[in-house]
């Protein structure tokens, strides 16, 4: 098939995904021997670009909370449900969130564990 472009009754020059090549069907990635982190890399890059644009504005801490819920939660929710989120991606996502909330500062005024508490307990 690779040489002639023909095989039995298949249409000519149809792309057949190889081993290790993810195929996106309805937002979920399928394939044999695909890396879980590779599936997430485009989503995380898109998320980082979105947050960079939001950093240009002067958002308050509450505004950043809404942005985090809308974009970080919204852009990852479906893919987490259908693919699961590897630990490497989870730690990278936490790092992206921390950098966005605290404007790339190394010494954060409030720990991320405290921010994760419910709102009525002083969380974010």
PDB file of N, CA and C in Angstrom:
ATOM      1  N   UNK A   1       0.817  -1.200   0.000  1.00  0.00           N
ATOM      2  CA  UNK A   1       0.000   0.000   0.000  1.00  0.00           C
ATOM      3  C   UNK A   1       0.859   1.261   0.000  1.00  0.00           C
ATOM      4  N   UNK A   2       1.929   1.267   0.765  1.00  0.00           N
ATOM      5  CA  UNK A   2       2.779   2.459   0.837  1.00  0.00           C
ATOM      6  C   UNK A   2       3.457   2.759  -0.496  1.00  0.00           C
ATOM      7  N   UNK A   3       3.747   1.739  -1.262  1.00  0.00           N
ATOM      8  CA  UNK A   3       4.432   1.921  -2.533  1.00  0.00           C
ATOM      9  C   UNK A   3       3.460   2.331  -3.637  1.00  0.00           C
ATOM     10  N   UNK A   4       2.366   1.621  -3.764  1.00  0.00           N
ATOM     11  CA  UNK A   4       1.449   1.843  -4.886  1.00  0.00           C
ATOM     12  C   UNK A   4       0.287   2.773  -4.563  1.00  0.00           C
ATOM     13  N   UNK A   5      -0.054   2.918  -3.290  1.00  0.00           N
ATOM     14  CA  UNK A   5      -1.212   3.732  -2.932  1.00  0.00           C
ATOM     15  C   UNK A   5      -2.514   2.981  -3.079  1.00  0.00           C
ATOM     16  N   UNK A   6      -2.440   1.681  -3.328  1.00  0.00           N
ATOM     17  CA  UNK A   6      -3.657   0.878  -3.516  1.00  0.00           C
ATOM     18  C   UNK A   6      -3.572  -0.373  -2.641  1.00  0.00           C
ATOM     19  N   UNK A   7      -4.753  -0.769  -2.142  1.00  0.00           N
ATOM     20  CA  UNK A   7      -4.850  -2.016  -1.405  1.00  0.00           C
ATOM     21  C   UNK A   7      -6.303  -2.446  -1.402  1.00  0.00           C
ATOM     22  N   UNK A   8      -6.583  -3.548  -1.984  1.00  0.00           N
ATOM     23  CA  UNK A   8      -7.934  -4.102  -2.116  1.00  0.00           C
ATOM     24  C   UNK A   8      -8.922  -3.020  -2.554  1.00  0.00           C
ATOM     25  N   UNK A   9      -9.999  -2.803  -1.770  1.00  0.00           N
ATOM     26  CA  UNK A   9     -11.024  -1.837  -2.157  1.00  0.00           C
ATOM     27  C   UNK A   9     -10.890  -0.487  -1.448  1.00  0.00           C
ATOM     28  N   UNK A  10      -9.731  -0.229  -0.825  1.00  0.00           N
ATOM     29  CA  UNK A  10      -9.545   1.058  -0.154  1.00  0.00           C
ATOM     30  C   UNK A  10      -9.433   2.165  -1.186  1.00  0.00           C
ATOM     31  N   UNK A  11      -9.970   3.340  -0.878  1.00  0.00           N
ATOM     32  CA  UNK A  11      -9.771   4.469  -1.792  1.00  0.00           C
ATOM     33  C   UNK A  11      -8.283   4.789  -1.915  1.00  0.00           C
ATOM     34  N   UNK A  12      -7.898   5.290  -3.043  1.00  0.00           N
ATOM     35  CA  UNK A  12      -6.490   5.549  -3.303  1.00  0.00           C
ATOM     36  C   UNK A  12      -5.986   6.713  -2.446  1.00  0.00           C
ATOM     37  N   UNK A  13      -4.770   6.567  -1.939  1.00  0.00           N
ATOM     38  CA  UNK A  13      -4.063   7.569  -1.144  1.00  0.00           C
ATOM     39  C   UNK A  13      -4.766   7.945   0.147  1.00  0.00           C
ATOM     40  N   UNK A  14      -5.462   7.021   0.782  1.00  0.00           N
ATOM     41  CA  UNK A  14      -6.030   7.233   2.109  1.00  0.00           C
ATOM     42  C   UNK A  14      -4.901   7.082   3.122  1.00  0.00           C
ATOM     43  N   UNK A  15      -4.839   7.985   4.083  1.00  0.00           N
ATOM     44  CA  UNK A  15      -3.788   7.907   5.101  1.00  0.00           C
ATOM     45  C   UNK A  15      -4.180   6.882   6.161  1.00  0.00           C
ATOM     46  N   UNK A  16      -3.336   5.910   6.380  1.00  0.00           N
ATOM     47  CA  UNK A  16      -3.538   4.912   7.414  1.00  0.00           C
ATOM     48  C   UNK A  16      -2.555   5.233   8.534  1.00  0.00           C
ATOM     49  N   UNK A  17      -3.084   5.472   9.724  1.00  0.00           N
ATOM     50  CA  UNK A  17      -2.241   5.850  10.855  1.00  0.00           C
ATOM     51  C   UNK A  17      -1.344   4.692  11.250  1.00  0.00           C
ATOM     52  N   UNK A  18      -0.106   5.012  11.509  1.00  0.00           N
ATOM     53  CA  UNK A  18       0.858   3.992  11.903  1.00  0.00           C
ATOM     54  C   UNK A  18       0.946   3.850  13.403  1.00  0.00           C
ATOM     55  N   UNK A  19       1.812   2.971  13.830  1.00  0.00           N
ATOM     56  CA  UNK A  19       2.003   2.745  15.255  1.00  0.00           C
ATOM     57  C   UNK A  19       2.608   3.987  15.905  1.00  0.00           C
ATOM     58  N   UNK A  20       2.044   4.395  17.023  1.00  0.00           N
ATOM     59  CA  UNK A  20       2.529   5.559  17.742  1.00  0.00           C
ATOM     60  C   UNK A  20       1.997   6.879  17.212  1.00  0.00           C
ATOM     61  N   UNK A  21       1.116   6.842  16.252  1.00  0.00           N
ATOM     62  CA  UNK A  21       0.531   8.062  15.680  1.00  0.00           C
ATOM     63  C   UNK A  21      -0.894   8.222  16.194  1.00  0.00           C
ATOM     64  N   UNK A  22      -1.145   9.233  17.036  1.00  0.00           N
ATOM     65  CA  UNK A  22      -2.492   9.405  17.572  1.00  0.00           C
ATOM     66  C   UNK A  22      -3.462   9.926  16.517  1.00  0.00           C
ATOM     67  N   UNK A  23      -4.689   9.442  16.597  1.00  0.00           N
ATOM     68  CA  UNK A  23      -5.750   9.874  15.702  1.00  0.00           C
ATOM     69  C   UNK A  23      -6.842  10.483  16.569  1.00  0.00           C
ATOM     70  N   UNK A  24      -7.248  11.701  16.254  1.00  0.00           N
ATOM     71  CA  UNK A  24      -8.269  12.399  17.036  1.00  0.00           C
ATOM     72  C   UNK A  24      -9.652  12.103  16.447  1.00  0.00           C
ATOM     73  N   UNK A  25     -10.503  11.505  17.270  1.00  0.00           N
ATOM     74  CA  UNK A  25     -11.880  11.220  16.876  1.00  0.00           C
ATOM     75  C   UNK A  25     -12.792  11.795  17.941  1.00  0.00           C
ATOM     76  N   UNK A  26     -13.586  12.800  17.570  1.00  0.00           N
ATOM     77  CA  UNK A  26     -14.514  13.471  18.484  1.00  0.00           C
ATOM     78  C   UNK A  26     -13.824  13.985  19.742  1.00  0.00           C
ATOM     79  N   UNK A  27     -12.618  14.489  19.605  1.00  0.00           N
ATOM     80  CA  UNK A  27     -11.906  15.098  20.720  1.00  0.00           C
ATOM     81  C   UNK A  27     -11.079  14.139  21.550  1.00  0.00           C
ATOM     82  N   UNK A  28     -11.209  12.851  21.340  1.00  0.00           N
ATOM     83  CA  UNK A  28     -10.412  11.867  22.063  1.00  0.00           C
ATOM     84  C   UNK A  28      -9.357  11.303  21.113  1.00  0.00           C
ATOM     85  N   UNK A  29      -8.216  10.939  21.662  1.00  0.00           N
ATOM     86  CA  UNK A  29      -7.118  10.439  20.842  1.00  0.00           C
ATOM     87  C   UNK A  29      -7.015   8.926  20.980  1.00  0.00           C
ATOM     88  N   UNK A  30      -6.936   8.264  19.838  1.00  0.00           N
ATOM     89  CA  UNK A  30      -6.830   6.819  19.792  1.00  0.00           C
ATOM     90  C   UNK A  30      -5.593   6.438  19.001  1.00  0.00           C
ATOM     91  N   UNK A  31      -5.137   5.235  19.242  1.00  0.00           N
ATOM     92  CA  UNK A  31      -3.997   4.728  18.499  1.00  0.00           C
ATOM     93  C   UNK A  31      -3.277   3.673  19.306  1.00  0.00           C
ATOM     94  N   UNK A  32      -2.397   2.985  18.635  1.00  0.00           N
ATOM     95  CA  UNK A  32      -1.621   1.941  19.281  1.00  0.00           C
ATOM     96  C   UNK A  32      -0.270   2.505  19.686  1.00  0.00           C
ATOM     97  N   UNK A  33       0.070   2.318  20.951  1.00  0.00           N
ATOM     98  CA  UNK A  33       1.373   2.716  21.464  1.00  0.00           C
ATOM     99  C   UNK A  33       1.599   4.231  21.341  1.00  0.00           C
ATOM    100  N   UNK A  34       0.590   5.009  21.742  1.00  0.00           N
ATOM    101  CA  UNK A  34       0.750   6.470  21.736  1.00  0.00           C
ATOM    102  C   UNK A  34       1.102   6.937  23.143  1.00  0.00           C
ATOM    103  N   UNK A  35       1.888   7.980  23.233  1.00  0.00           N
ATOM    104  CA  UNK A  35       2.279   8.522  24.521  1.00  0.00           C
ATOM    105  C   UNK A  35       1.174   9.404  25.093  1.00  0.00           C
ATOM    106  N   UNK A  36       0.851   9.186  26.357  1.00  0.00           N
ATOM    107  CA  UNK A  36      -0.214   9.962  26.981  1.00  0.00           C
ATOM    108  C   UNK A  36       0.137  11.441  27.065  1.00  0.00           C
ATOM    109  N   UNK A  37       1.396  11.742  27.329  1.00  0.00           N
ATOM    110  CA  UNK A  37       1.800  13.140  27.453  1.00  0.00           C
ATOM    111  C   UNK A  37       1.783  13.853  26.108  1.00  0.00           C
ATOM    112  N   UNK A  38       2.046  13.128  25.032  1.00  0.00           N
ATOM    113  CA  UNK A  38       2.005  13.730  23.699  1.00  0.00           C
ATOM    114  C   UNK A  38       0.599  14.207  23.356  1.00  0.00           C
ATOM    115  N   UNK A  39      -0.401  13.466  23.811  1.00  0.00           N
ATOM    116  CA  UNK A  39      -1.791  13.834  23.567  1.00  0.00           C
ATOM    117  C   UNK A  39      -2.108  15.165  24.237  1.00  0.00           C
ATOM    118  N   UNK A  40      -1.537  15.382  25.409  1.00  0.00           N
ATOM    119  CA  UNK A  40      -1.821  16.587  26.184  1.00  0.00           C
ATOM    120  C   UNK A  40      -0.978  17.784  25.766  1.00  0.00           C
ATOM    121  N   UNK A  41       0.107  17.588  25.046  1.00  0.00           N
ATOM    122  CA  UNK A  41       1.036  18.690  24.780  1.00  0.00           C
ATOM    123  C   UNK A  41       0.383  19.834  24.000  1.00  0.00           C
ATOM    124  N   UNK A  42      -0.426  19.528  23.011  1.00  0.00           N
ATOM    125  CA  UNK A  42      -1.072  20.606  22.246  1.00  0.00           C
ATOM    126  C   UNK A  42      -2.074  21.356  23.107  1.00  0.00           C
ATOM    127  N   UNK A  43      -2.781  20.643  23.964  1.00  0.00           N
ATOM    128  CA  UNK A  43      -3.767  21.297  24.835  1.00  0.00           C
ATOM    129  C   UNK A  43      -3.077  22.215  25.837  1.00  0.00           C
ATOM    130  N   UNK A  44      -1.964  21.774  26.401  1.00  0.00           N
ATOM    131  CA  UNK A  44      -1.245  22.602  27.367  1.00  0.00           C
ATOM    132  C   UNK A  44      -0.618  23.826  26.697  1.00  0.00           C
ATOM    133  N   UNK A  45      -0.126  23.668  25.491  1.00  0.00           N
ATOM    134  CA  UNK A  45       0.424  24.805  24.754  1.00  0.00           C
ATOM    135  C   UNK A  45      -0.661  25.834  24.464  1.00  0.00           C
ATOM    136  N   UNK A  46      -1.818  25.371  24.056  1.00  0.00           N
ATOM    137  CA  UNK A  46      -2.942  26.267  23.800  1.00  0.00           C
ATOM    138  C   UNK A  46      -3.369  26.982  25.079  1.00  0.00           C
ATOM    139  N   UNK A  47      -3.371  26.267  26.184  1.00  0.00           N
ATOM    140  CA  UNK A  47      -3.738  26.845  27.471  1.00  0.00           C
ATOM    141  C   UNK A  47      -2.725  27.897  27.914  1.00  0.00           C
ATOM    142  N   UNK A  48      -1.440  27.613  27.753  1.00  0.00           N
ATOM    143  CA  UNK A  48      -0.410  28.591  28.109  1.00  0.00           C
ATOM    144  C   UNK A  48      -0.534  29.860  27.266  1.00  0.00           C
ATOM    145  N   UNK A  49      -0.817  29.714  25.968  1.00  0.00           N
ATOM    146  CA  UNK A  49      -0.989  30.876  25.103  1.00  0.00           C
ATOM    147  C   UNK A  49      -2.197  31.709  25.524  1.00  0.00           C
ATOM    148  N   UNK A  50      -3.273  31.056  25.899  1.00  0.00           N
ATOM    149  CA  UNK A  50      -4.465  31.764  26.355  1.00  0.00           C
ATOM    150  C   UNK A  50      -4.181  32.545  27.632  1.00  0.00           C
ATOM    151  N   UNK A  51      -3.481  31.924  28.574  1.00  0.00           N
ATOM    152  CA  UNK A  51      -3.176  32.607  29.828  1.00  0.00           C
ATOM    153  C   UNK A  51      -2.181  33.746  29.622  1.00  0.00           C
ATOM    154  N   UNK A  52      -1.287  33.624  28.651  1.00  0.00           N
ATOM    155  CA  UNK A  52      -0.372  34.737  28.339  1.00  0.00           C
ATOM    156  C   UNK A  52      -1.151  35.957  27.880  1.00  0.00           C
ATOM    157  N   UNK A  53      -2.185  35.734  27.068  1.00  0.00           N
ATOM    158  CA  UNK A  53      -3.018  36.853  26.619  1.00  0.00           C
ATOM    159  C   UNK A  53      -3.768  37.472  27.788  1.00  0.00           C
ATOM    160  N   UNK A  54      -4.241  36.659  28.716  1.00  0.00           N
ATOM    161  CA  UNK A  54      -4.963  37.186  29.866  1.00  0.00           C
ATOM    162  C   UNK A  54      -4.017  37.911  30.830  1.00  0.00           C
ATOM    163  N   UNK A  55      -2.735  37.547  30.846  1.00  0.00           N
ATOM    164  CA  UNK A  55      -1.766  38.250  31.704  1.00  0.00           C
ATOM    165  C   UNK A  55      -1.541  39.688  31.265  1.00  0.00           C
ATOM    166  N   UNK A  56      -1.799  39.982  30.004  1.00  0.00           N
ATOM    167  CA  UNK A  56      -1.587  41.337  29.503  1.00  0.00           C
ATOM    168  C   UNK A  56      -2.553  42.338  30.141  1.00  0.00           C
ATOM    169  N   UNK A  57      -3.710  41.851  30.560  1.00  0.00           N
ATOM    170  CA  UNK A  57      -4.688  42.727  31.218  1.00  0.00           C
ATOM    171  C   UNK A  57      -4.366  42.876  32.697  1.00  0.00           C
ATOM    172  N   UNK A  58      -5.140  43.714  33.331  1.00  0.00           N
ATOM    173  CA  UNK A  58      -4.944  43.953  34.764  1.00  0.00           C
ATOM    174  C   UNK A  58      -6.082  43.289  35.526  1.00  0.00           C
ATOM    175  N   UNK A  59      -6.030  41.987  35.645  1.00  0.00           N
ATOM    176  CA  UNK A  59      -7.085  41.267  36.335  1.00  0.00           C
ATOM    177  C   UNK A  59      -6.811  41.191  37.829  1.00  0.00           C
ATOM    178  N   UNK A  60      -7.864  41.241  38.618  1.00  0.00           N
ATOM    179  CA  UNK A  60      -7.743  41.094  40.066  1.00  0.00           C
ATOM    180  C   UNK A  60      -7.593  39.613  40.392  1.00  0.00           C
ATOM    181  N   UNK A  61      -7.407  39.330  41.662  1.00  0.00           N
ATOM    182  CA  UNK A  61      -7.267  37.939  42.079  1.00  0.00           C
ATOM    183  C   UNK A  61      -8.561  37.174  41.825  1.00  0.00           C
ATOM    184  N   UNK A  62      -9.691  37.825  42.048  1.00  0.00           N
ATOM    185  CA  UNK A  62     -10.966  37.159  41.765  1.00  0.00           C
ATOM    186  C   UNK A  62     -11.151  36.955  40.260  1.00  0.00           C
ATOM    187  N   UNK A  63     -10.705  37.911  39.466  1.00  0.00           N
ATOM    188  CA  UNK A  63     -10.762  37.747  38.022  1.00  0.00           C
ATOM    189  C   UNK A  63      -9.898  36.594  37.555  1.00  0.00           C
ATOM    190  N   UNK A  64      -8.738  36.441  38.184  1.00  0.00           N
ATOM    191  CA  UNK A  64      -7.859  35.326  37.837  1.00  0.00           C
ATOM    192  C   UNK A  64      -8.495  34.001  38.212  1.00  0.00           C
ATOM    193  N   UNK A  65      -9.269  34.007  39.296  1.00  0.00           N
ATOM    194  CA  UNK A  65      -9.983  32.789  39.688  1.00  0.00           C
ATOM    195  C   UNK A  65     -10.972  32.397  38.602  1.00  0.00           C
ATOM    196  N   UNK A  66     -11.712  33.385  38.093  1.00  0.00           N
ATOM    197  CA  UNK A  66     -12.678  33.096  37.037  1.00  0.00           C
ATOM    198  C   UNK A  66     -11.982  32.614  35.761  1.00  0.00           C
ATOM    199  N   UNK A  67     -10.881  33.242  35.413  1.00  0.00           N
ATOM    200  CA  UNK A  67     -10.129  32.833  34.227  1.00  0.00           C
ATOM    201  C   UNK A  67      -9.628  31.401  34.391  1.00  0.00           C
ATOM    202  N   UNK A  68      -9.117  31.092  35.583  1.00  0.00           N
ATOM    203  CA  UNK A  68      -8.621  29.737  35.832  1.00  0.00           C
ATOM    204  C   UNK A  68      -9.750  28.716  35.721  1.00  0.00           C
ATOM    205  N   UNK A  69     -10.908  29.049  36.255  1.00  0.00           N
ATOM    206  CA  UNK A  69     -12.026  28.108  36.178  1.00  0.00           C
ATOM    207  C   UNK A  69     -12.515  27.953  34.742  1.00  0.00           C
ATOM    208  N   UNK A  70     -12.598  29.075  34.024  1.00  0.00           N
ATOM    209  CA  UNK A  70     -13.105  29.011  32.657  1.00  0.00           C
ATOM    210  C   UNK A  70     -12.152  28.273  31.730  1.00  0.00           C
ATOM    211  N   UNK A  71     -10.885  28.652  31.763  1.00  0.00           N
ATOM    212  CA  UNK A  71      -9.959  28.123  30.770  1.00  0.00           C
ATOM    213  C   UNK A  71      -9.229  26.871  31.234  1.00  0.00           C
ATOM    214  N   UNK A  72      -8.620  26.903  32.396  1.00  0.00           N
ATOM    215  CA  UNK A  72      -7.890  25.715  32.846  1.00  0.00           C
ATOM    216  C   UNK A  72      -8.871  24.575  33.082  1.00  0.00           C
ATOM    217  N   UNK A  73      -9.977  24.872  33.743  1.00  0.00           N
ATOM    218  CA  UNK A  73     -10.986  23.837  33.966  1.00  0.00           C
ATOM    219  C   UNK A  73     -11.683  23.426  32.683  1.00  0.00           C
ATOM    220  N   UNK A  74     -12.072  24.422  31.902  1.00  0.00           N
ATOM    221  CA  UNK A  74     -12.840  24.135  30.696  1.00  0.00           C
ATOM    222  C   UNK A  74     -12.056  23.447  29.601  1.00  0.00           C
ATOM    223  N   UNK A  75     -10.799  23.826  29.429  1.00  0.00           N
ATOM    224  CA  UNK A  75     -10.002  23.251  28.339  1.00  0.00           C
ATOM    225  C   UNK A  75      -9.490  21.848  28.656  1.00  0.00           C
ATOM    226  N   UNK A  76      -9.512  21.475  29.919  1.00  0.00           N
ATOM    227  CA  UNK A  76      -8.963  20.171  30.286  1.00  0.00           C
ATOM    228  C   UNK A  76     -10.023  19.166  30.710  1.00  0.00           C
ATOM    229  N   UNK A  77     -11.229  19.621  30.980  1.00  0.00           N
ATOM    230  CA  UNK A  77     -12.237  18.745  31.557  1.00  0.00           C
ATOM    231  C   UNK A  77     -12.598  17.570  30.659  1.00  0.00           C
ATOM    232  N   UNK A  78     -12.905  17.819  29.406  1.00  0.00           N
ATOM    233  CA  UNK A  78     -13.322  16.731  28.520  1.00  0.00           C
ATOM    234  C   UNK A  78     -12.187  15.744  28.267  1.00  0.00           C
ATOM    235  N   UNK A  79     -11.007  16.279  27.980  1.00  0.00           N
ATOM    236  CA  UNK A  79      -9.888  15.380  27.681  1.00  0.00           C
ATOM    237  C   UNK A  79      -9.516  14.550  28.907  1.00  0.00           C
ATOM    238  N   UNK A  80      -9.648  15.119  30.102  1.00  0.00           N
ATOM    239  CA  UNK A  80      -9.396  14.354  31.319  1.00  0.00           C
ATOM    240  C   UNK A  80     -10.401  13.228  31.455  1.00  0.00           C
ATOM    241  N   UNK A  81     -11.639  13.495  31.081  1.00  0.00           N
ATOM    242  CA  UNK A  81     -12.685  12.491  31.194  1.00  0.00           C
ATOM    243  C   UNK A  81     -12.468  11.330  30.225  1.00  0.00           C
ATOM    244  N   UNK A  82     -12.062  11.619  29.003  1.00  0.00           N
ATOM    245  CA  UNK A  82     -11.937  10.549  28.007  1.00  0.00           C
ATOM    246  C   UNK A  82     -10.539   9.937  27.937  1.00  0.00           C
ATOM    247  N   UNK A  83      -9.497  10.655  28.331  1.00  0.00           N
ATOM    248  CA  UNK A  83      -8.127  10.143  28.204  1.00  0.00           C
ATOM    249  C   UNK A  83      -7.468   9.832  29.542  1.00  0.00           C
ATOM    250  N   UNK A  84      -7.854  10.474  30.581  1.00  0.00           N
ATOM    251  CA  UNK A  84      -7.239  10.535  31.907  1.00  0.00           C
ATOM    252  C   UNK A  84      -6.023  11.452  31.847  1.00  0.00           C
ATOM    253  N   UNK A  85      -5.690  12.036  32.989  1.00  0.00           N
ATOM    254  CA  UNK A  85      -4.596  12.987  33.036  1.00  0.00           C
ATOM    255  C   UNK A  85      -3.391  12.349  33.731  1.00  0.00           C
ATOM    256  N   UNK A  86      -2.284  12.181  33.033  1.00  0.00           N
ATOM    257  CA  UNK A  86      -1.071  11.626  33.659  1.00  0.00           C
ATOM    258  C   UNK A  86      -0.531  12.560  34.739  1.00  0.00           C
ATOM    259  N   UNK A  87       0.232  12.002  35.667  1.00  0.00           N
ATOM    260  CA  UNK A  87       0.791  12.793  36.762  1.00  0.00           C
ATOM    261  C   UNK A  87       1.715  13.898  36.268  1.00  0.00           C
ATOM    262  N   UNK A  88       2.470  13.636  35.196  1.00  0.00           N
ATOM    263  CA  UNK A  88       3.355  14.666  34.643  1.00  0.00           C
ATOM    264  C   UNK A  88       2.554  15.864  34.159  1.00  0.00           C
ATOM    265  N   UNK A  89       1.432  15.607  33.532  1.00  0.00           N
ATOM    266  CA  UNK A  89       0.588  16.680  33.024  1.00  0.00           C
ATOM    267  C   UNK A  89      -0.052  17.426  34.185  1.00  0.00           C
ATOM    268  N   UNK A  90      -0.445  16.687  35.212  1.00  0.00           N
ATOM    269  CA  UNK A  90      -1.054  17.310  36.384  1.00  0.00           C
ATOM    270  C   UNK A  90      -0.082  18.273  37.061  1.00  0.00           C
ATOM    271  N   UNK A  91       1.173  17.861  37.200  1.00  0.00           N
ATOM    272  CA  UNK A  91       2.156  18.738  37.839  1.00  0.00           C
ATOM    273  C   UNK A  91       2.476  19.943  36.947  1.00  0.00           C
ATOM    274  N   UNK A  92       2.516  19.729  35.643  1.00  0.00           N
ATOM    275  CA  UNK A  92       2.762  20.862  34.731  1.00  0.00           C
ATOM    276  C   UNK A  92       1.594  21.841  34.749  1.00  0.00           C
ATOM    277  N   UNK A  93       0.389  21.324  34.834  1.00  0.00           N
ATOM    278  CA  UNK A  93      -0.802  22.169  34.901  1.00  0.00           C
ATOM    279  C   UNK A  93      -0.841  22.969  36.200  1.00  0.00           C
ATOM    280  N   UNK A  94      -0.437  22.346  37.291  1.00  0.00           N
ATOM    281  CA  UNK A  94      -0.352  23.051  38.568  1.00  0.00           C
ATOM    282  C   UNK A  94       0.672  24.174  38.495  1.00  0.00           C
ATOM    283  N   UNK A  95       1.794  23.911  37.851  1.00  0.00           N
ATOM    284  CA  UNK A  95       2.835  24.930  37.685  1.00  0.00           C
ATOM    285  C   UNK A  95       2.324  26.098  36.834  1.00  0.00           C
ATOM    286  N   UNK A  96       1.591  25.793  35.764  1.00  0.00           N
ATOM    287  CA  UNK A  96       1.017  26.832  34.906  1.00  0.00           C
ATOM    288  C   UNK A  96       0.042  27.681  35.704  1.00  0.00           C
ATOM    289  N   UNK A  97      -0.793  27.030  36.512  1.00  0.00           N
ATOM    290  CA  UNK A  97      -1.772  27.749  37.333  1.00  0.00           C
ATOM    291  C   UNK A  97      -1.082  28.649  38.348  1.00  0.00           C
ATOM    292  N   UNK A  98      -0.078  28.119  39.022  1.00  0.00           N
ATOM    293  CA  UNK A  98       0.641  28.905  40.036  1.00  0.00           C
ATOM    294  C   UNK A  98       1.319  30.127  39.399  1.00  0.00           C
ATOM    295  N   UNK A  99       1.930  29.921  38.232  1.00  0.00           N
ATOM    296  CA  UNK A  99       2.586  31.048  37.555  1.00  0.00           C
ATOM    297  C   UNK A  99       1.571  32.107  37.132  1.00  0.00           C
ATOM    298  N   UNK A 100       0.395  31.686  36.699  1.00  0.00           N
ATOM    299  CA  UNK A 100      -0.617  32.648  36.273  1.00  0.00           C
ATOM    300  C   UNK A 100      -1.192  33.416  37.467  1.00  0.00           C
ATOM    301  N   UNK A 101      -1.535  32.710  38.529  1.00  0.00           N
ATOM    302  CA  UNK A 101      -2.154  33.363  39.688  1.00  0.00           C
ATOM    303  C   UNK A 101      -1.205  34.370  40.324  1.00  0.00           C
ATOM    304  N   UNK A 102       0.044  34.022  40.462  1.00  0.00           N
ATOM    305  CA  UNK A 102       0.986  34.887  41.181  1.00  0.00           C
ATOM    306  C   UNK A 102       1.939  35.635  40.251  1.00  0.00           C
ATOM    307  N   UNK A 103       1.612  35.788  39.006  1.00  0.00           N
ATOM    308  CA  UNK A 103       2.390  36.600  38.059  1.00  0.00           C
ATOM    309  C   UNK A 103       3.865  36.213  38.018  1.00  0.00           C
ATOM    310  N   UNK A 104       4.160  34.950  37.942  1.00  0.00           N
ATOM    311  CA  UNK A 104       5.520  34.415  37.829  1.00  0.00           C
ATOM    312  C   UNK A 104       6.411  34.711  39.032  1.00  0.00           C
ATOM    313  N   UNK A 105       5.836  35.045  40.177  1.00  0.00           N
ATOM    314  CA  UNK A 105       6.636  35.289  41.387  1.00  0.00           C
ATOM    315  C   UNK A 105       7.040  33.950  41.997  1.00  0.00           C
ATOM    316  N   UNK A 106       8.245  33.917  42.578  1.00  0.00           N
ATOM    317  CA  UNK A 106       8.737  32.682  43.182  1.00  0.00           C
ATOM    318  C   UNK A 106       8.213  32.512  44.598  1.00  0.00           C
ATOM    319  N   UNK A 107       8.109  33.600  45.348  1.00  0.00           N
ATOM    320  CA  UNK A 107       7.603  33.551  46.716  1.00  0.00           C
ATOM    321  C   UNK A 107       6.129  33.932  46.707  1.00  0.00           C
ATOM    322  N   UNK A 108       5.274  32.925  46.850  1.00  0.00           N
ATOM    323  CA  UNK A 108       3.843  33.168  46.800  1.00  0.00           C
ATOM    324  C   UNK A 108       3.326  33.589  48.171  1.00  0.00           C
ATOM    325  N   UNK A 109       2.460  34.599  48.232  1.00  0.00           N
ATOM    326  CA  UNK A 109       1.926  35.044  49.522  1.00  0.00           C
ATOM    327  C   UNK A 109       1.023  34.000  50.190  1.00  0.00           C
ATOM    328  N   UNK A 110       0.339  33.183  49.405  1.00  0.00           N
ATOM    329  CA  UNK A 110      -0.563  32.161  49.938  1.00  0.00           C
ATOM    330  C   UNK A 110      -0.250  30.848  49.232  1.00  0.00           C
ATOM    331  N   UNK A 111      -0.173  29.780  49.995  1.00  0.00           N
ATOM    332  CA  UNK A 111       0.134  28.477  49.415  1.00  0.00           C
ATOM    333  C   UNK A 111      -0.995  27.960  48.535  1.00  0.00           C
ATOM    334  N   UNK A 112      -0.632  27.145  47.574  1.00  0.00           N
ATOM    335  CA  UNK A 112      -1.618  26.602  46.647  1.00  0.00           C
ATOM    336  C   UNK A 112      -2.600  25.672  47.358  1.00  0.00           C
ATOM    337  N   UNK A 113      -2.152  24.994  48.406  1.00  0.00           N
ATOM    338  CA  UNK A 113      -3.050  24.118  49.161  1.00  0.00           C
ATOM    339  C   UNK A 113      -4.154  24.938  49.827  1.00  0.00           C
ATOM    340  N   UNK A 114      -3.813  26.116  50.318  1.00  0.00           N
ATOM    341  CA  UNK A 114      -4.818  26.989  50.947  1.00  0.00           C
ATOM    342  C   UNK A 114      -5.769  27.566  49.901  1.00  0.00           C
ATOM    343  N   UNK A 115      -5.262  27.885  48.742  1.00  0.00           N
ATOM    344  CA  UNK A 115      -6.120  28.408  47.680  1.00  0.00           C
ATOM    345  C   UNK A 115      -7.112  27.358  47.199  1.00  0.00           C
ATOM    346  N   UNK A 116      -6.775  26.090  47.348  1.00  0.00           N
ATOM    347  CA  UNK A 116      -7.640  25.010  46.865  1.00  0.00           C
ATOM    348  C   UNK A 116      -8.787  24.693  47.810  1.00  0.00           C
ATOM    349  N   UNK A 117      -8.783  25.282  48.980  1.00  0.00           N
ATOM    350  CA  UNK A 117      -9.871  25.057  49.935  1.00  0.00           C
ATOM    351  C   UNK A 117     -11.173  25.642  49.401  1.00  0.00           C
ATOM    352  N   UNK A 118     -12.323  25.198  49.932  1.00  0.00           N
ATOM    353  CA  UNK A 118     -13.591  25.807  49.542  1.00  0.00           C
ATOM    354  C   UNK A 118     -13.622  27.297  49.875  1.00  0.00           C
ATOM    355  N   UNK A 119     -14.448  28.029  49.165  1.00  0.00           N
ATOM    356  CA  UNK A 119     -14.495  29.492  49.308  1.00  0.00           C
ATOM    357  C   UNK A 119     -14.850  29.918  50.717  1.00  0.00           C
ATOM    358  N   UNK A 120     -15.783  29.212  51.374  1.00  0.00           N
ATOM    359  CA  UNK A 120     -16.189  29.602  52.723  1.00  0.00           C
ATOM    360  C   UNK A 120     -15.133  29.312  53.774  1.00  0.00           C
ATOM    361  N   UNK A 121     -14.108  28.538  53.428  1.00  0.00           N
ATOM    362  CA  UNK A 121     -13.003  28.252  54.349  1.00  0.00           C
ATOM    363  C   UNK A 121     -11.773  29.112  54.020  1.00  0.00           C
ATOM    364  N   UNK A 122     -11.962  30.127  53.206  1.00  0.00           N
ATOM    365  CA  UNK A 122     -10.867  31.021  52.872  1.00  0.00           C
ATOM    366  C   UNK A 122     -10.113  30.642  51.620  1.00  0.00           C
ATOM    367  N   UNK A 123     -10.630  29.699  50.889  1.00  0.00           N
ATOM    368  CA  UNK A 123      -9.977  29.254  49.657  1.00  0.00           C
ATOM    369  C   UNK A 123     -10.335  30.137  48.490  1.00  0.00           C
ATOM    370  N   UNK A 124      -9.846  29.767  47.366  1.00  0.00           N
ATOM    371  CA  UNK A 124      -9.956  30.562  46.164  1.00  0.00           C
ATOM    372  C   UNK A 124     -11.141  30.087  45.396  1.00  0.00           C
TER     373      UNK A 124
END
